[in-house]
Structures are given as C-alpha cells and as structure tokens.
Amino acid sequence: MELHIKTMSEMLAAGEEPELLFWVGCAGSFDERAQKITRAVATILNNVGIKFAILGTEESCTGDPAKRAGNEFLFQMMAMTNIEILNAYNVKKIVTACPHCFNTLKNEYPELGGNYEVIHHSQLIQQLIDDGRLKIENGETFKGKKITYHDPCYLGRANGVYEAPRAVIEQLDAELTEMKRCRSNGLCCGAGGAQMFKEPEKGNKDINVERTEEALALKPDVIAVSCPFCMTMIRDGVKLADKEAEVQVLDIAEIATKANGWT
C-alpha cells in the first residue's frame, strides 16, 4: 500500500498545515521490524484522513538514552536542537509510537521550552475509535484468537496509560487474557533497564525471557505490544522458546491495520 507522507518543510512549502506531527523515533526509522510499526501508524492516519507530517532528516534522537545513561549535558544539547526545530515549525501536537519518545517529549521537553500536546499512538487510536472515525471492519483476522498484552514501562507505570492500547483488542472478536503481572504491576521487558545491551547479572535469567515465559504460559496466539523496544525483547523471547510459528508479536497499530485489511 502506497503511503502519502510529507515532511514539515514540504507541507509548509505547499501552503498546507498539518493537524499533527508524527515523531517517528530512532527505532521506527532504522530498525527493520519497527519500521513496520511506523508504516502501520502512517496507514491509520492516511485512512482516517488526518493530515500529518514528519520531520524527516530534521528529526534526531530525543536524547532519552543519553539522559537515562546520566549524561544530562548531552541530553539537553539534543533536546534543545529538536525544540528549536519544532518551535520553528510552530508544532502544536505530536504523536509517537515510542513510549520513550512519548515520555521525554511530554514530560521533559517543557522544562527546556518545548511545550506540545504529546500523545502515544495507542491514545490516538483510542480517540479515533471513540469518535467513530476508526472502526474495526474485518474482525475475522483475529476471530477466536487469544491475545495477551504487555504494558511498556514508560507508557504504563510512568504515564498511567493502560486502557488505550487495550481499546483496539476490545474491538476484536478475540479473547484478551491478562498476564498476572500487568498494568501497574507489569514486568519490564528489560529494554528500558539497558538489558537490551548487556548480559544479565550472574545467576539471573534474562528479564525478557522471564517476561515472555509469563506470556507464553497463557498459550496466546498473539502477544500485543505498543513499544518498539518491547517488540524486540519479546520477539527474542519467543524465538528462544521456539514459538515463532505459533505466536505472533504485534504492535497495537499493526493489529488495527491487519484487522481492517489495510496491510
């Protein structure tokens, strides 16, 4: 499916004003699997008629990894560069598919002069469903399937967003089965704690393996996520368990597009 995506500079040059800016993020730009999530979000925006733009090559990392690693100076340098670009384009509303970008743009940029309405893509999808602009037309794709949802730390515990991602699943003729550790008691996949880049401490199991085992114990057909880093960690866990042929790991946006036959 052809995607119609313009950069902010292209849109403004054409005399158009976008409703929102889609912040793609590093993972959504460069990670091959996360790129599919980016396409899914763009597909939804196109199909519901939302005029949006991206920054393209003008977008850089939010600085979240630098801040979490303790380099506040580097974070502020990166953040100020982004804020200057966003403010120059008079950006008011931002949607992002990454909870890490979401948290940083929403909660930390205002301290540096970057004040925007920032929403996670699951929140946007829930709003579209509630407003009747997005309907799940082809529920047959997931009919009778068992789905469990993993709460990302920076979306759930850090920002209290629990219902929005589940709104899509609730539209399906499918069974939503919750893991014992979910919502505010959810278990981190490990990526946000840097386990994505290191070996586990001696004597400990890989945290993503532990989390994936909790999901697989429910015998789901689909493990739903709403973070590109959770996607990587959970997919690795499924692969290590040799369950790739039986269990799909899908982002909430991908579930919405597949259910509607938009892929």
Protein backbone atom coordinates (compact mmCIF):
# COMPACT_ATOMS: atom_id res chain seq x y z
CA MET A 1 0.00 0.00 0.00
CA GLU A 2 1.38 3.37 -1.03
CA LEU A 3 1.86 5.80 1.82
CA HIS A 4 1.44 9.53 1.32
CA ILE A 5 3.85 11.13 3.75
CA LYS A 6 5.21 14.66 3.59
CA THR A 7 7.84 16.36 5.69
CA MET A 8 7.02 19.55 7.54
CA SER A 9 9.11 21.57 5.11
CA GLU A 10 7.34 20.02 2.08
CA MET A 11 3.91 20.61 3.57
CA LEU A 12 4.58 24.21 4.52
CA ALA A 13 6.13 24.90 1.11
CA ALA A 14 2.85 23.70 -0.41
CA GLY A 15 0.89 26.04 1.84
CA GLU A 16 -0.56 23.22 3.90
CA GLU A 17 -0.79 22.95 7.67
CA PRO A 18 -0.73 19.50 9.30
CA GLU A 19 -3.05 18.53 12.14
CA LEU A 20 -0.17 16.85 13.90
CA LEU A 21 3.45 15.86 13.64
CA PHE A 22 4.30 12.16 13.61
CA TRP A 23 7.53 11.75 15.59
CA VAL A 24 8.95 8.56 14.08
CA GLY A 25 11.82 7.98 16.53
CA CYS A 26 15.14 6.19 16.10
CA ALA A 27 13.74 2.66 16.27
CA GLY A 28 10.86 3.49 13.96
CA SER A 29 13.31 4.95 11.46
CA PHE A 30 16.19 2.49 11.49
CA ASP A 31 15.05 -0.83 12.98
CA GLU A 32 13.66 -3.09 10.26
CA ARG A 33 10.93 -4.57 12.46
CA ALA A 34 9.95 -1.23 13.99
CA GLN A 35 9.65 0.27 10.51
CA LYS A 36 6.56 -1.91 10.06
CA ILE A 37 5.02 -0.22 13.11
CA THR A 38 5.81 3.16 11.56
CA ARG A 39 4.04 2.10 8.36
CA ALA A 40 1.05 0.88 10.36
CA VAL A 41 0.68 4.22 12.16
CA ALA A 42 1.01 6.14 8.89
CA THR A 43 -1.54 3.82 7.27
CA ILE A 44 -4.07 4.53 10.02
CA LEU A 45 -3.51 8.29 9.76
CA ASN A 46 -3.99 8.16 5.99
CA ASN A 47 -7.11 6.01 6.13
CA VAL A 48 -8.89 8.19 8.69
CA GLY A 49 -7.98 11.35 6.78
CA ILE A 50 -5.66 13.01 9.29
CA LYS A 51 -3.29 15.46 7.65
CA PHE A 52 0.10 14.84 9.22
CA ALA A 53 3.77 15.44 8.59
CA ILE A 54 7.13 14.12 9.71
CA LEU A 55 10.41 15.93 10.23
CA GLY A 56 12.35 13.54 8.02
CA THR A 57 16.09 14.16 8.17
CA GLU A 58 15.49 17.06 10.54
CA GLU A 59 14.39 14.64 13.26
CA SER A 60 17.08 13.35 15.61
CA CYS A 61 17.08 11.33 18.83
CA THR A 62 15.07 12.91 21.66
CA GLY A 63 18.06 12.42 23.93
CA ASP A 64 16.30 9.87 26.12
CA PRO A 65 19.15 7.28 26.06
CA ALA A 66 21.70 9.96 26.99
CA LYS A 67 19.58 11.14 29.92
CA ARG A 68 18.96 7.61 31.22
CA ALA A 69 22.70 6.96 30.99
CA GLY A 70 23.34 10.01 33.17
CA ASN A 71 24.66 12.42 30.54
CA GLU A 72 22.39 15.38 31.24
CA PHE A 73 24.59 17.77 29.25
CA LEU A 74 24.28 15.69 26.06
CA PHE A 75 20.54 15.25 26.63
CA GLN A 76 19.98 19.00 26.88
CA MET A 77 22.05 19.66 23.76
CA MET A 78 20.00 17.15 21.76
CA ALA A 79 16.71 18.32 23.24
CA MET A 80 17.38 22.00 22.55
CA THR A 81 18.23 21.24 18.92
CA ASN A 82 14.92 19.39 18.50
CA ILE A 83 12.97 22.09 20.33
CA GLU A 84 14.38 24.80 18.06
CA ILE A 85 13.22 22.86 15.00
CA LEU A 86 9.79 22.06 16.45
CA ASN A 87 9.21 25.64 17.54
CA ALA A 88 10.38 26.98 14.18
CA TYR A 89 7.62 24.91 12.56
CA ASN A 90 5.14 26.03 15.23
CA VAL A 91 4.34 22.42 16.10
CA LYS A 92 1.42 22.09 18.50
CA LYS A 93 0.57 18.37 18.57
CA ILE A 94 2.85 15.34 18.33
CA VAL A 95 2.06 11.62 18.09
CA THR A 96 4.73 8.97 18.54
CA ALA A 97 4.78 5.18 18.54
CA CYS A 98 7.61 5.01 21.07
CA PRO A 99 6.82 5.33 24.81
CA HIS A 100 10.39 6.53 25.44
CA CYS A 101 9.99 9.39 22.95
CA PHE A 102 6.48 9.99 24.31
CA ASN A 103 7.69 10.32 27.89
CA THR A 104 10.64 12.57 27.01
CA LEU A 105 8.72 14.90 24.68
CA LYS A 106 5.75 15.11 27.04
CA ASN A 107 7.40 15.37 30.44
CA GLU A 108 10.96 16.63 29.96
CA TYR A 109 10.92 18.96 26.96
CA PRO A 110 8.60 21.51 28.65
CA GLU A 111 11.36 22.26 31.17
CA LEU A 112 13.51 23.40 28.23
CA GLY A 113 10.86 25.40 26.40
CA GLY A 114 9.31 22.64 24.32
CA ASN A 115 5.61 22.76 25.11
CA TYR A 116 3.48 20.49 22.94
CA GLU A 117 0.45 18.25 23.18
CA VAL A 118 2.09 14.82 23.03
CA ILE A 119 0.13 11.58 22.66
CA HIS A 120 1.11 7.97 22.20
CA HIS A 121 -0.18 6.24 19.09
CA SER A 122 -2.38 3.95 21.18
CA GLN A 123 -4.09 7.02 22.67
CA LEU A 124 -4.69 8.42 19.19
CA ILE A 125 -6.16 5.11 18.05
CA GLN A 126 -8.45 5.01 21.08
CA GLN A 127 -9.60 8.58 20.37
CA LEU A 128 -10.34 7.65 16.75
CA ILE A 129 -12.35 4.61 17.86
CA ASP A 130 -14.28 6.64 20.46
CA ASP A 131 -15.03 9.36 17.88
CA GLY A 132 -16.25 6.81 15.35
CA ARG A 133 -13.52 7.71 12.88
CA LEU A 134 -11.84 4.31 13.13
CA LYS A 135 -13.88 1.13 13.00
CA ILE A 136 -12.54 -2.39 13.08
CA GLU A 137 -14.26 -3.62 9.91
CA ASN A 138 -12.70 -7.05 9.40
CA GLY A 139 -12.50 -8.78 12.73
CA GLU A 140 -12.22 -12.19 11.02
CA THR A 141 -8.44 -11.86 11.03
CA PHE A 142 -8.34 -12.28 14.79
CA LYS A 143 -11.65 -14.08 15.34
CA GLY A 144 -11.40 -16.55 18.19
CA LYS A 145 -7.74 -15.70 18.82
CA LYS A 146 -6.32 -15.41 22.31
CA ILE A 147 -4.36 -12.18 22.79
CA THR A 148 -2.32 -11.04 25.78
CA TYR A 149 -0.96 -7.52 26.13
CA HIS A 150 2.39 -6.44 27.58
CA ASP A 151 2.45 -2.99 29.24
CA PRO A 152 5.53 -0.89 28.36
CA CYS A 153 7.06 0.76 31.44
CA TYR A 154 7.22 4.30 30.06
CA LEU A 155 3.64 4.12 28.80
CA GLY A 156 2.10 2.34 31.77
CA ARG A 157 3.74 3.00 35.12
CA ALA A 158 5.44 6.23 34.03
CA ASN A 159 2.39 7.83 32.39
CA GLY A 160 -0.64 5.82 33.50
CA VAL A 161 -1.74 4.78 30.01
CA TYR A 162 -3.30 1.34 30.35
CA GLU A 163 -6.71 1.38 28.68
CA ALA A 164 -5.83 2.96 25.33
CA PRO A 165 -3.75 0.04 23.98
CA ARG A 166 -6.41 -2.43 25.09
CA ALA A 167 -9.13 -0.48 23.25
CA VAL A 168 -8.10 -1.99 19.92
CA ILE A 169 -8.12 -5.55 21.23
CA GLU A 170 -11.55 -4.98 22.74
CA GLN A 171 -12.89 -4.15 19.26
CA LEU A 172 -11.93 -7.59 18.00
CA ASP A 173 -13.85 -10.84 18.20
CA ALA A 174 -10.95 -12.15 20.27
CA GLU A 175 -10.15 -13.03 23.87
CA LEU A 176 -7.97 -10.62 25.84
CA THR A 177 -6.16 -12.62 28.51
CA GLU A 178 -4.13 -10.68 31.04
CA MET A 179 -0.83 -11.82 32.48
CA LYS A 180 -0.63 -11.98 36.28
CA ARG A 181 1.84 -9.08 36.26
CA CYS A 182 0.11 -6.42 34.19
CA ARG A 183 -0.91 -2.76 34.29
CA SER A 184 0.71 -1.00 37.28
CA ASN A 185 2.23 -4.33 38.35
CA GLY A 186 3.61 -5.09 34.90
CA LEU A 187 7.06 -6.61 34.48
CA CYS A 188 9.61 -4.68 32.41
CA CYS A 189 10.78 -6.41 29.22
CA GLY A 190 14.29 -5.27 30.13
CA ALA A 191 14.98 -2.83 27.30
CA GLY A 192 14.34 0.28 29.38
CA GLY A 193 16.73 -1.02 32.01
CA ALA A 194 19.50 -1.43 29.41
CA GLN A 195 19.27 -5.24 29.44
CA MET A 196 18.92 -4.95 25.68
CA PHE A 197 22.61 -4.06 25.52
CA LYS A 198 24.16 -6.30 28.17
CA GLU A 199 24.18 -9.76 29.66
CA PRO A 200 22.08 -10.45 32.78
CA GLU A 201 23.70 -10.29 36.19
CA LYS A 202 25.27 -13.57 37.29
CA GLY A 203 22.70 -16.10 38.38
CA ASN A 204 19.76 -14.19 36.87
CA LYS A 205 17.60 -15.15 33.92
CA ASP A 206 17.30 -12.74 31.01
CA ILE A 207 14.39 -10.50 32.01
CA ASN A 208 12.85 -10.62 28.53
CA VAL A 209 12.87 -14.43 28.68
CA GLU A 210 11.12 -14.33 32.04
CA ARG A 211 8.51 -11.91 30.72
CA THR A 212 7.95 -13.88 27.53
CA GLU A 213 7.54 -17.09 29.51
CA GLU A 214 4.75 -15.41 31.51
CA ALA A 215 3.01 -14.53 28.24
CA LEU A 216 3.53 -17.95 26.65
CA ALA A 217 2.14 -19.69 29.75
CA LEU A 218 -1.27 -18.30 28.72
CA LYS A 219 -0.93 -20.05 25.32
CA PRO A 220 -1.75 -16.92 23.31
CA ASP A 221 -1.98 -16.65 19.55
CA VAL A 222 -0.77 -13.05 19.74
CA ILE A 223 1.35 -11.10 22.20
CA ALA A 224 0.42 -7.44 21.72
CA VAL A 225 2.87 -4.62 22.47
CA SER A 226 2.95 -0.87 21.95
CA CYS A 227 6.67 -0.10 22.12
CA PRO A 228 9.38 -0.89 19.52
CA PHE A 229 11.83 -1.93 22.23
CA CYS A 230 9.31 -4.25 23.87
CA MET A 231 8.76 -5.66 20.39
CA THR A 232 12.46 -6.55 20.09
CA MET A 233 12.72 -8.07 23.57
CA ILE A 234 9.51 -10.10 23.40
CA ARG A 235 10.24 -11.33 19.86
CA ASP A 236 13.66 -12.51 21.02
CA GLY A 237 11.98 -14.34 23.91
CA VAL A 238 9.51 -16.03 21.57
CA LYS A 239 12.36 -17.01 19.26
CA LEU A 240 14.39 -18.52 22.12
CA ALA A 241 11.32 -20.51 23.16
CA ASP A 242 11.00 -21.76 19.57
CA LYS A 243 7.42 -20.49 19.37
CA GLU A 244 7.70 -18.23 16.33
CA ALA A 245 5.47 -20.50 14.23
CA GLU A 246 2.73 -20.46 16.87
CA VAL A 247 2.78 -16.96 18.40
CA GLN A 248 2.81 -13.59 16.68
CA VAL A 249 4.18 -10.46 18.35
CA LEU A 250 2.29 -7.45 17.00
CA ASP A 251 2.07 -3.77 17.81
CA ILE A 252 -1.36 -2.32 18.57
CA ALA A 253 -1.21 -0.29 15.34
CA GLU A 254 -0.43 -3.43 13.35
CA ILE A 255 -3.39 -5.21 14.92
CA ALA A 256 -5.65 -2.33 13.87
CA THR A 257 -4.38 -2.31 10.28
CA LYS A 258 -4.48 -6.09 9.90
CA ALA A 259 -8.00 -6.27 11.32
CA ASN A 260 -9.11 -3.73 8.71
CA GLY A 261 -7.29 -5.43 5.86
CA TRP A 262 -5.05 -2.42 5.31
CA THR A 263 -1.81 -4.44 5.05
